[in-house]
């Protein structure tokens, strides 16, 4: 299970736009579907289910990885942290 929180200083509209941009890239790169459920973007594809929750002052990414992605969990976590730091500061 992946559970990563990252702080930000953006307003609600800006952080939502950043998260949507990230989700669009995931959809393009990994054929991953996504949709908004309130203040969370839910994403999935075969072997991966997760959500990016917009919280006051932070973004929280949670994901359940099935096989074979679970074998690469540390690499996936590092990439999530890198993208969040790049996009949210």
PDB file of N, CA and C in Angstrom:
ATOM      1  N   UNK A   1       0.846  -1.184   0.000  1.00  0.00           N
ATOM      2  CA  UNK A   1       0.000   0.000   0.000  1.00  0.00           C
ATOM      3  C   UNK A   1       0.888   1.243   0.000  1.00  0.00           C
ATOM      4  N   UNK A   2       0.615   2.139  -0.902  1.00  0.00           N
ATOM      5  CA  UNK A   2       1.323   3.416  -0.966  1.00  0.00           C
ATOM      6  C   UNK A   2       0.493   4.450  -0.221  1.00  0.00           C
ATOM      7  N   UNK A   3       1.144   5.252   0.595  1.00  0.00           N
ATOM      8  CA  UNK A   3       0.476   6.338   1.323  1.00  0.00           C
ATOM      9  C   UNK A   3       1.484   7.473   1.484  1.00  0.00           C
ATOM     10  N   UNK A   4       1.351   8.485   0.643  1.00  0.00           N
ATOM     11  CA  UNK A   4       2.302   9.597   0.605  1.00  0.00           C
ATOM     12  C   UNK A   4       1.545  10.908   0.744  1.00  0.00           C
ATOM     13  N   UNK A   5       2.000  11.761   1.638  1.00  0.00           N
ATOM     14  CA  UNK A   5       1.442  13.110   1.771  1.00  0.00           C
ATOM     15  C   UNK A   5       2.514  14.118   1.386  1.00  0.00           C
ATOM     16  N   UNK A   6       2.066  15.199   0.732  1.00  0.00           N
ATOM     17  CA  UNK A   6       3.002  16.244   0.317  1.00  0.00           C
ATOM     18  C   UNK A   6       2.358  17.604   0.562  1.00  0.00           C
ATOM     19  N   UNK A   7       3.063  18.509   1.237  1.00  0.00           N
ATOM     20  CA  UNK A   7       2.493  19.838   1.513  1.00  0.00           C
ATOM     21  C   UNK A   7       2.473  20.711   0.260  1.00  0.00           C
ATOM     22  N   UNK A   8       1.596  21.697   0.270  1.00  0.00           N
ATOM     23  CA  UNK A   8       1.555  22.684  -0.803  1.00  0.00           C
ATOM     24  C   UNK A   8       1.017  23.999  -0.247  1.00  0.00           C
ATOM     25  N   UNK A   9       1.215  25.070  -1.017  1.00  0.00           N
ATOM     26  CA  UNK A   9       0.730  26.398  -0.625  1.00  0.00           C
ATOM     27  C   UNK A   9      -0.206  26.983  -1.679  1.00  0.00           C
ATOM     28  N   UNK A  10      -0.795  26.139  -2.483  1.00  0.00           N
ATOM     29  CA  UNK A  10      -1.666  26.587  -3.561  1.00  0.00           C
ATOM     30  C   UNK A  10      -3.106  26.713  -3.080  1.00  0.00           C
ATOM     31  N   UNK A  11      -3.878  27.546  -3.782  1.00  0.00           N
ATOM     32  CA  UNK A  11      -5.301  27.600  -3.456  1.00  0.00           C
ATOM     33  C   UNK A  11      -5.983  26.364  -4.049  1.00  0.00           C
ATOM     34  N   UNK A  12      -7.229  26.134  -3.663  1.00  0.00           N
ATOM     35  CA  UNK A  12      -7.943  24.914  -4.041  1.00  0.00           C
ATOM     36  C   UNK A  12      -8.033  24.736  -5.557  1.00  0.00           C
ATOM     37  N   UNK A  13      -8.286  25.810  -6.271  1.00  0.00           N
ATOM     38  CA  UNK A  13      -8.413  25.727  -7.730  1.00  0.00           C
ATOM     39  C   UNK A  13      -7.088  25.348  -8.376  1.00  0.00           C
ATOM     40  N   UNK A  14      -6.008  25.950  -7.921  1.00  0.00           N
ATOM     41  CA  UNK A  14      -4.689  25.683  -8.493  1.00  0.00           C
ATOM     42  C   UNK A  14      -4.223  24.263  -8.208  1.00  0.00           C
ATOM     43  N   UNK A  15      -4.406  23.790  -6.986  1.00  0.00           N
ATOM     44  CA  UNK A  15      -3.949  22.440  -6.663  1.00  0.00           C
ATOM     45  C   UNK A  15      -4.778  21.408  -7.423  1.00  0.00           C
ATOM     46  N   UNK A  16      -6.062  21.670  -7.593  1.00  0.00           N
ATOM     47  CA  UNK A  16      -6.909  20.757  -8.364  1.00  0.00           C
ATOM     48  C   UNK A  16      -6.418  20.688  -9.815  1.00  0.00           C
ATOM     49  N   UNK A  17      -6.040  21.821 -10.387  1.00  0.00           N
ATOM     50  CA  UNK A  17      -5.529  21.851 -11.757  1.00  0.00           C
ATOM     51  C   UNK A  17      -4.216  21.076 -11.879  1.00  0.00           C
ATOM     52  N   UNK A  18      -3.339  21.221 -10.895  1.00  0.00           N
ATOM     53  CA  UNK A  18      -2.068  20.489 -10.904  1.00  0.00           C
ATOM     54  C   UNK A  18      -2.324  18.991 -10.839  1.00  0.00           C
ATOM     55  N   UNK A  19      -3.206  18.572  -9.942  1.00  0.00           N
ATOM     56  CA  UNK A  19      -3.512  17.146  -9.798  1.00  0.00           C
ATOM     57  C   UNK A  19      -4.142  16.610 -11.086  1.00  0.00           C
ATOM     58  N   UNK A  20      -5.008  17.386 -11.716  1.00  0.00           N
ATOM     59  CA  UNK A  20      -5.611  16.940 -12.979  1.00  0.00           C
ATOM     60  C   UNK A  20      -4.552  16.786 -14.062  1.00  0.00           C
ATOM     61  N   UNK A  21      -3.587  17.694 -14.098  1.00  0.00           N
ATOM     62  CA  UNK A  21      -2.493  17.590 -15.067  1.00  0.00           C
ATOM     63  C   UNK A  21      -1.690  16.312 -14.842  1.00  0.00           C
ATOM     64  N   UNK A  22      -1.405  16.003 -13.580  1.00  0.00           N
ATOM     65  CA  UNK A  22      -0.692  14.764 -13.247  1.00  0.00           C
ATOM     66  C   UNK A  22      -1.515  13.564 -13.703  1.00  0.00           C
ATOM     67  N   UNK A  23      -2.812  13.568 -13.415  1.00  0.00           N
ATOM     68  CA  UNK A  23      -3.689  12.456 -13.792  1.00  0.00           C
ATOM     69  C   UNK A  23      -3.763  12.295 -15.310  1.00  0.00           C
ATOM     70  N   UNK A  24      -3.795  13.404 -16.029  1.00  0.00           N
ATOM     71  CA  UNK A  24      -3.829  13.342 -17.492  1.00  0.00           C
ATOM     72  C   UNK A  24      -2.571  12.678 -18.039  1.00  0.00           C
ATOM     73  N   UNK A  25      -1.428  12.988 -17.443  1.00  0.00           N
ATOM     74  CA  UNK A  25      -0.173  12.360 -17.879  1.00  0.00           C
ATOM     75  C   UNK A  25      -0.178  10.863 -17.570  1.00  0.00           C
ATOM     76  N   UNK A  26      -0.711  10.484 -16.394  1.00  0.00           N
ATOM     77  CA  UNK A  26      -0.826   9.064 -16.055  1.00  0.00           C
ATOM     78  C   UNK A  26      -1.729   8.345 -17.051  1.00  0.00           C
ATOM     79  N   UNK A  27      -2.841   8.981 -17.389  1.00  0.00           N
ATOM     80  CA  UNK A  27      -3.786   8.388 -18.332  1.00  0.00           C
ATOM     81  C   UNK A  27      -3.129   8.156 -19.691  1.00  0.00           C
ATOM     82  N   UNK A  28      -2.366   9.138 -20.126  1.00  0.00           N
ATOM     83  CA  UNK A  28      -1.688   9.048 -21.418  1.00  0.00           C
ATOM     84  C   UNK A  28      -0.571   8.012 -21.398  1.00  0.00           C
ATOM     85  N   UNK A  29       0.210   8.028 -20.350  1.00  0.00           N
ATOM     86  CA  UNK A  29       1.396   7.168 -20.280  1.00  0.00           C
ATOM     87  C   UNK A  29       1.069   5.719 -19.936  1.00  0.00           C
ATOM     88  N   UNK A  30       0.080   5.514 -19.043  1.00  0.00           N
ATOM     89  CA  UNK A  30      -0.196   4.167 -18.545  1.00  0.00           C
ATOM     90  C   UNK A  30      -1.616   3.684 -18.819  1.00  0.00           C
ATOM     91  N   UNK A  31      -2.359   4.408 -19.668  1.00  0.00           N
ATOM     92  CA  UNK A  31      -3.748   4.044 -19.965  1.00  0.00           C
ATOM     93  C   UNK A  31      -4.550   3.876 -18.678  1.00  0.00           C
ATOM     94  N   UNK A  32      -4.437   4.874 -17.814  1.00  0.00           N
ATOM     95  CA  UNK A  32      -5.064   4.836 -16.503  1.00  0.00           C
ATOM     96  C   UNK A  32      -6.283   5.750 -16.494  1.00  0.00           C
ATOM     97  N   UNK A  33      -7.441   5.199 -16.136  1.00  0.00           N
ATOM     98  CA  UNK A  33      -8.651   5.997 -16.040  1.00  0.00           C
ATOM     99  C   UNK A  33      -8.675   6.801 -14.752  1.00  0.00           C
ATOM    100  N   UNK A  34      -9.425   7.913 -14.763  1.00  0.00           N
ATOM    101  CA  UNK A  34      -9.543   8.713 -13.546  1.00  0.00           C
ATOM    102  C   UNK A  34     -10.845   9.492 -13.558  1.00  0.00           C
ATOM    103  N   UNK A  35     -11.323   9.832 -12.373  1.00  0.00           N
ATOM    104  CA  UNK A  35     -12.504  10.679 -12.232  1.00  0.00           C
ATOM    105  C   UNK A  35     -12.468  11.323 -10.848  1.00  0.00           C
ATOM    106  N   UNK A  36     -13.129  12.475 -10.738  1.00  0.00           N
ATOM    107  CA  UNK A  36     -13.195  13.182  -9.462  1.00  0.00           C
ATOM    108  C   UNK A  36     -14.377  12.677  -8.647  1.00  0.00           C
ATOM    109  N   UNK A  37     -14.132  12.428  -7.370  1.00  0.00           N
ATOM    110  CA  UNK A  37     -15.169  12.119  -6.386  1.00  0.00           C
ATOM    111  C   UNK A  37     -15.006  13.140  -5.274  1.00  0.00           C
ATOM    112  N   UNK A  38     -15.735  14.237  -5.378  1.00  0.00           N
ATOM    113  CA  UNK A  38     -15.581  15.318  -4.407  1.00  0.00           C
ATOM    114  C   UNK A  38     -14.206  15.933  -4.522  1.00  0.00           C
ATOM    115  N   UNK A  39     -13.464  15.918  -3.430  1.00  0.00           N
ATOM    116  CA  UNK A  39     -12.117  16.497  -3.394  1.00  0.00           C
ATOM    117  C   UNK A  39     -11.032  15.441  -3.552  1.00  0.00           C
ATOM    118  N   UNK A  40     -11.352  14.351  -4.228  1.00  0.00           N
ATOM    119  CA  UNK A  40     -10.367  13.301  -4.484  1.00  0.00           C
ATOM    120  C   UNK A  40     -10.453  12.854  -5.934  1.00  0.00           C
ATOM    121  N   UNK A  41      -9.304  12.671  -6.541  1.00  0.00           N
ATOM    122  CA  UNK A  41      -9.237  12.129  -7.882  1.00  0.00           C
ATOM    123  C   UNK A  41      -8.937  10.642  -7.748  1.00  0.00           C
ATOM    124  N   UNK A  42      -9.832   9.821  -8.240  1.00  0.00           N
ATOM    125  CA  UNK A  42      -9.693   8.370  -8.160  1.00  0.00           C
ATOM    126  C   UNK A  42      -9.128   7.883  -9.491  1.00  0.00           C
ATOM    127  N   UNK A  43      -8.115   7.010  -9.435  1.00  0.00           N
ATOM    128  CA  UNK A  43      -7.509   6.494 -10.658  1.00  0.00           C
ATOM    129  C   UNK A  43      -7.398   4.981 -10.580  1.00  0.00           C
ATOM    130  N   UNK A  44      -7.429   4.349 -11.747  1.00  0.00           N
ATOM    131  CA  UNK A  44      -7.319   2.890 -11.766  1.00  0.00           C
ATOM    132  C   UNK A  44      -6.945   2.387 -13.154  1.00  0.00           C
ATOM    133  N   UNK A  45      -6.410   1.216 -13.140  1.00  0.00           N
ATOM    134  CA  UNK A  45      -6.133   0.398 -14.317  1.00  0.00           C
ATOM    135  C   UNK A  45      -5.887  -1.005 -13.784  1.00  0.00           C
ATOM    136  N   UNK A  46      -5.751  -1.968 -14.624  1.00  0.00           N
ATOM    137  CA  UNK A  46      -5.507  -3.328 -14.158  1.00  0.00           C
ATOM    138  C   UNK A  46      -4.265  -3.344 -13.269  1.00  0.00           C
ATOM    139  N   UNK A  47      -4.424  -3.780 -12.031  1.00  0.00           N
ATOM    140  CA  UNK A  47      -3.304  -3.888 -11.108  1.00  0.00           C
ATOM    141  C   UNK A  47      -3.013  -2.670 -10.261  1.00  0.00           C
ATOM    142  N   UNK A  48      -3.759  -1.570 -10.466  1.00  0.00           N
ATOM    143  CA  UNK A  48      -3.520  -0.345  -9.695  1.00  0.00           C
ATOM    144  C   UNK A  48      -4.856   0.337  -9.400  1.00  0.00           C
ATOM    145  N   UNK A  49      -5.070   0.655  -8.131  1.00  0.00           N
ATOM    146  CA  UNK A  49      -6.227   1.454  -7.728  1.00  0.00           C
ATOM    147  C   UNK A  49      -5.755   2.453  -6.694  1.00  0.00           C
ATOM    148  N   UNK A  50      -6.181   3.709  -6.841  1.00  0.00           N
ATOM    149  CA  UNK A  50      -5.746   4.696  -5.867  1.00  0.00           C
ATOM    150  C   UNK A  50      -6.535   5.979  -5.942  1.00  0.00           C
ATOM    151  N   UNK A  51      -6.106   6.928  -5.116  1.00  0.00           N
ATOM    152  CA  UNK A  51      -6.754   8.238  -5.088  1.00  0.00           C
ATOM    153  C   UNK A  51      -5.750   9.292  -4.673  1.00  0.00           C
ATOM    154  N   UNK A  52      -5.992  10.489  -5.171  1.00  0.00           N
ATOM    155  CA  UNK A  52      -5.219  11.659  -4.778  1.00  0.00           C
ATOM    156  C   UNK A  52      -6.202  12.584  -4.086  1.00  0.00           C
ATOM    157  N   UNK A  53      -6.061  12.707  -2.781  1.00  0.00           N
ATOM    158  CA  UNK A  53      -6.989  13.506  -1.979  1.00  0.00           C
ATOM    159  C   UNK A  53      -6.432  14.903  -1.776  1.00  0.00           C
ATOM    160  N   UNK A  54      -7.291  15.899  -1.992  1.00  0.00           N
ATOM    161  CA  UNK A  54      -6.912  17.293  -1.785  1.00  0.00           C
ATOM    162  C   UNK A  54      -7.335  17.691  -0.382  1.00  0.00           C
ATOM    163  N   UNK A  55      -6.358  17.931   0.463  1.00  0.00           N
ATOM    164  CA  UNK A  55      -6.598  18.305   1.851  1.00  0.00           C
ATOM    165  C   UNK A  55      -6.069  19.719   2.062  1.00  0.00           C
ATOM    166  N   UNK A  56      -6.526  20.410   3.094  1.00  0.00           N
ATOM    167  CA  UNK A  56      -6.002  21.759   3.352  1.00  0.00           C
ATOM    168  C   UNK A  56      -4.476  21.730   3.529  1.00  0.00           C
ATOM    169  N   UNK A  57      -3.757  22.363   2.623  1.00  0.00           N
ATOM    170  CA  UNK A  57      -2.308  22.457   2.738  1.00  0.00           C
ATOM    171  C   UNK A  57      -1.528  21.222   2.360  1.00  0.00           C
ATOM    172  N   UNK A  58      -2.198  20.174   1.891  1.00  0.00           N
ATOM    173  CA  UNK A  58      -1.464  18.982   1.479  1.00  0.00           C
ATOM    174  C   UNK A  58      -2.255  18.145   0.484  1.00  0.00           C
ATOM    175  N   UNK A  59      -1.520  17.325  -0.237  1.00  0.00           N
ATOM    176  CA  UNK A  59      -2.086  16.347  -1.152  1.00  0.00           C
ATOM    177  C   UNK A  59      -1.686  14.987  -0.605  1.00  0.00           C
ATOM    178  N   UNK A  60      -2.633  14.049  -0.600  1.00  0.00           N
ATOM    179  CA  UNK A  60      -2.340  12.702  -0.111  1.00  0.00           C
ATOM    180  C   UNK A  60      -2.612  11.709  -1.231  1.00  0.00           C
ATOM    181  N   UNK A  61      -1.612  10.896  -1.538  1.00  0.00           N
ATOM    182  CA  UNK A  61      -1.730   9.873  -2.565  1.00  0.00           C
ATOM    183  C   UNK A  61      -1.756   8.515  -1.877  1.00  0.00           C
ATOM    184  N   UNK A  62      -2.817   7.765  -2.128  1.00  0.00           N
ATOM    185  CA  UNK A  62      -2.899   6.394  -1.627  1.00  0.00           C
ATOM    186  C   UNK A  62      -3.151   5.486  -2.823  1.00  0.00           C
ATOM    187  N   UNK A  63      -2.533   4.321  -2.805  1.00  0.00           N
ATOM    188  CA  UNK A  63      -2.712   3.388  -3.917  1.00  0.00           C
ATOM    189  C   UNK A  63      -2.460   1.962  -3.458  1.00  0.00           C
ATOM    190  N   UNK A  64      -3.216   1.085  -4.044  1.00  0.00           N
ATOM    191  CA  UNK A  64      -3.029  -0.345  -3.832  1.00  0.00           C
ATOM    192  C   UNK A  64      -2.454  -0.899  -5.130  1.00  0.00           C
ATOM    193  N   UNK A  65      -1.306  -1.536  -5.031  1.00  0.00           N
ATOM    194  CA  UNK A  65      -0.642  -2.087  -6.203  1.00  0.00           C
ATOM    195  C   UNK A  65      -0.801  -3.595  -6.227  1.00  0.00           C
ATOM    196  N   UNK A  66      -1.287  -4.106  -7.333  1.00  0.00           N
ATOM    197  CA  UNK A  66      -1.340  -5.547  -7.522  1.00  0.00           C
ATOM    198  C   UNK A  66      -0.070  -6.017  -8.205  1.00  0.00           C
ATOM    199  N   UNK A  67       0.001  -7.304  -8.432  1.00  0.00           N
ATOM    200  CA  UNK A  67       1.141  -7.860  -9.142  1.00  0.00           C
ATOM    201  C   UNK A  67       1.030  -7.434 -10.598  1.00  0.00           C
ATOM    202  N   UNK A  68       2.056  -7.036 -11.291  1.00  0.00           N
ATOM    203  CA  UNK A  68       3.462  -7.027 -10.936  1.00  0.00           C
ATOM    204  C   UNK A  68       3.933  -5.700 -10.334  1.00  0.00           C
ATOM    205  N   UNK A  69       3.024  -4.708 -10.249  1.00  0.00           N
ATOM    206  CA  UNK A  69       3.427  -3.380  -9.774  1.00  0.00           C
ATOM    207  C   UNK A  69       3.926  -3.390  -8.333  1.00  0.00           C
ATOM    208  N   UNK A  70       3.400  -4.300  -7.527  1.00  0.00           N
ATOM    209  CA  UNK A  70       3.836  -4.363  -6.125  1.00  0.00           C
ATOM    210  C   UNK A  70       5.324  -4.682  -6.013  1.00  0.00           C
ATOM    211  N   UNK A  71       5.871  -5.330  -7.019  1.00  0.00           N
ATOM    212  CA  UNK A  71       7.300  -5.650  -7.013  1.00  0.00           C
ATOM    213  C   UNK A  71       8.150  -4.390  -7.214  1.00  0.00           C
ATOM    214  N   UNK A  72       7.520  -3.322  -7.716  1.00  0.00           N
ATOM    215  CA  UNK A  72       8.231  -2.077  -7.997  1.00  0.00           C
ATOM    216  C   UNK A  72       7.754  -0.947  -7.088  1.00  0.00           C
ATOM    217  N   UNK A  73       7.195  -1.283  -5.928  1.00  0.00           N
ATOM    218  CA  UNK A  73       6.586  -0.270  -5.068  1.00  0.00           C
ATOM    219  C   UNK A  73       7.541   0.861  -4.710  1.00  0.00           C
ATOM    220  N   UNK A  74       8.765   0.550  -4.350  1.00  0.00           N
ATOM    221  CA  UNK A  74       9.696   1.615  -3.952  1.00  0.00           C
ATOM    222  C   UNK A  74       9.986   2.558  -5.119  1.00  0.00           C
ATOM    223  N   UNK A  75      10.093   2.035  -6.324  1.00  0.00           N
ATOM    224  CA  UNK A  75      10.319   2.888  -7.500  1.00  0.00           C
ATOM    225  C   UNK A  75       9.096   3.758  -7.775  1.00  0.00           C
ATOM    226  N   UNK A  76       7.910   3.194  -7.617  1.00  0.00           N
ATOM    227  CA  UNK A  76       6.674   3.951  -7.822  1.00  0.00           C
ATOM    228  C   UNK A  76       6.576   5.073  -6.789  1.00  0.00           C
ATOM    229  N   UNK A  77       6.885   4.760  -5.524  1.00  0.00           N
ATOM    230  CA  UNK A  77       6.842   5.776  -4.465  1.00  0.00           C
ATOM    231  C   UNK A  77       7.826   6.912  -4.740  1.00  0.00           C
ATOM    232  N   UNK A  78       9.024   6.570  -5.162  1.00  0.00           N
ATOM    233  CA  UNK A  78      10.028   7.597  -5.477  1.00  0.00           C
ATOM    234  C   UNK A  78       9.555   8.500  -6.609  1.00  0.00           C
ATOM    235  N   UNK A  79       8.930   7.920  -7.621  1.00  0.00           N
ATOM    236  CA  UNK A  79       8.443   8.717  -8.750  1.00  0.00           C
ATOM    237  C   UNK A  79       7.295   9.625  -8.319  1.00  0.00           C
ATOM    238  N   UNK A  80       6.399   9.130  -7.482  1.00  0.00           N
ATOM    239  CA  UNK A  80       5.303   9.959  -6.963  1.00  0.00           C
ATOM    240  C   UNK A  80       5.869  11.138  -6.187  1.00  0.00           C
ATOM    241  N   UNK A  81       6.821  10.870  -5.306  1.00  0.00           N
ATOM    242  CA  UNK A  81       7.425  11.937  -4.508  1.00  0.00           C
ATOM    243  C   UNK A  81       8.140  12.954  -5.391  1.00  0.00           C
ATOM    244  N   UNK A  82       8.809  12.496  -6.423  1.00  0.00           N
ATOM    245  CA  UNK A  82       9.519  13.389  -7.342  1.00  0.00           C
ATOM    246  C   UNK A  82       8.535  14.300  -8.080  1.00  0.00           C
ATOM    247  N   UNK A  83       7.463  13.715  -8.600  1.00  0.00           N
ATOM    248  CA  UNK A  83       6.478  14.496  -9.350  1.00  0.00           C
ATOM    249  C   UNK A  83       5.775  15.498  -8.442  1.00  0.00           C
ATOM    250  N   UNK A  84       5.407  15.077  -7.234  1.00  0.00           N
ATOM    251  CA  UNK A  84       4.749  15.999  -6.304  1.00  0.00           C
ATOM    252  C   UNK A  84       5.667  17.163  -5.945  1.00  0.00           C
ATOM    253  N   UNK A  85       6.928  16.870  -5.684  1.00  0.00           N
ATOM    254  CA  UNK A  85       7.882  17.935  -5.347  1.00  0.00           C
ATOM    255  C   UNK A  85       8.062  18.890  -6.529  1.00  0.00           C
ATOM    256  N   UNK A  86       8.125  18.344  -7.723  1.00  0.00           N
ATOM    257  CA  UNK A  86       8.308  19.166  -8.922  1.00  0.00           C
ATOM    258  C   UNK A  86       7.085  20.046  -9.180  1.00  0.00           C
ATOM    259  N   UNK A  87       5.889  19.498  -9.029  1.00  0.00           N
ATOM    260  CA  UNK A  87       4.664  20.223  -9.385  1.00  0.00           C
ATOM    261  C   UNK A  87       4.123  21.108  -8.267  1.00  0.00           C
ATOM    262  N   UNK A  88       4.356  20.681  -7.008  1.00  0.00           N
ATOM    263  CA  UNK A  88       3.771  21.409  -5.875  1.00  0.00           C
ATOM    264  C   UNK A  88       4.795  22.173  -5.045  1.00  0.00           C
ATOM    265  N   UNK A  89       6.073  21.970  -5.354  1.00  0.00           N
ATOM    266  CA  UNK A  89       7.108  22.681  -4.604  1.00  0.00           C
ATOM    267  C   UNK A  89       7.594  21.934  -3.403  1.00  0.00           C
TER     268      UNK A  89
END
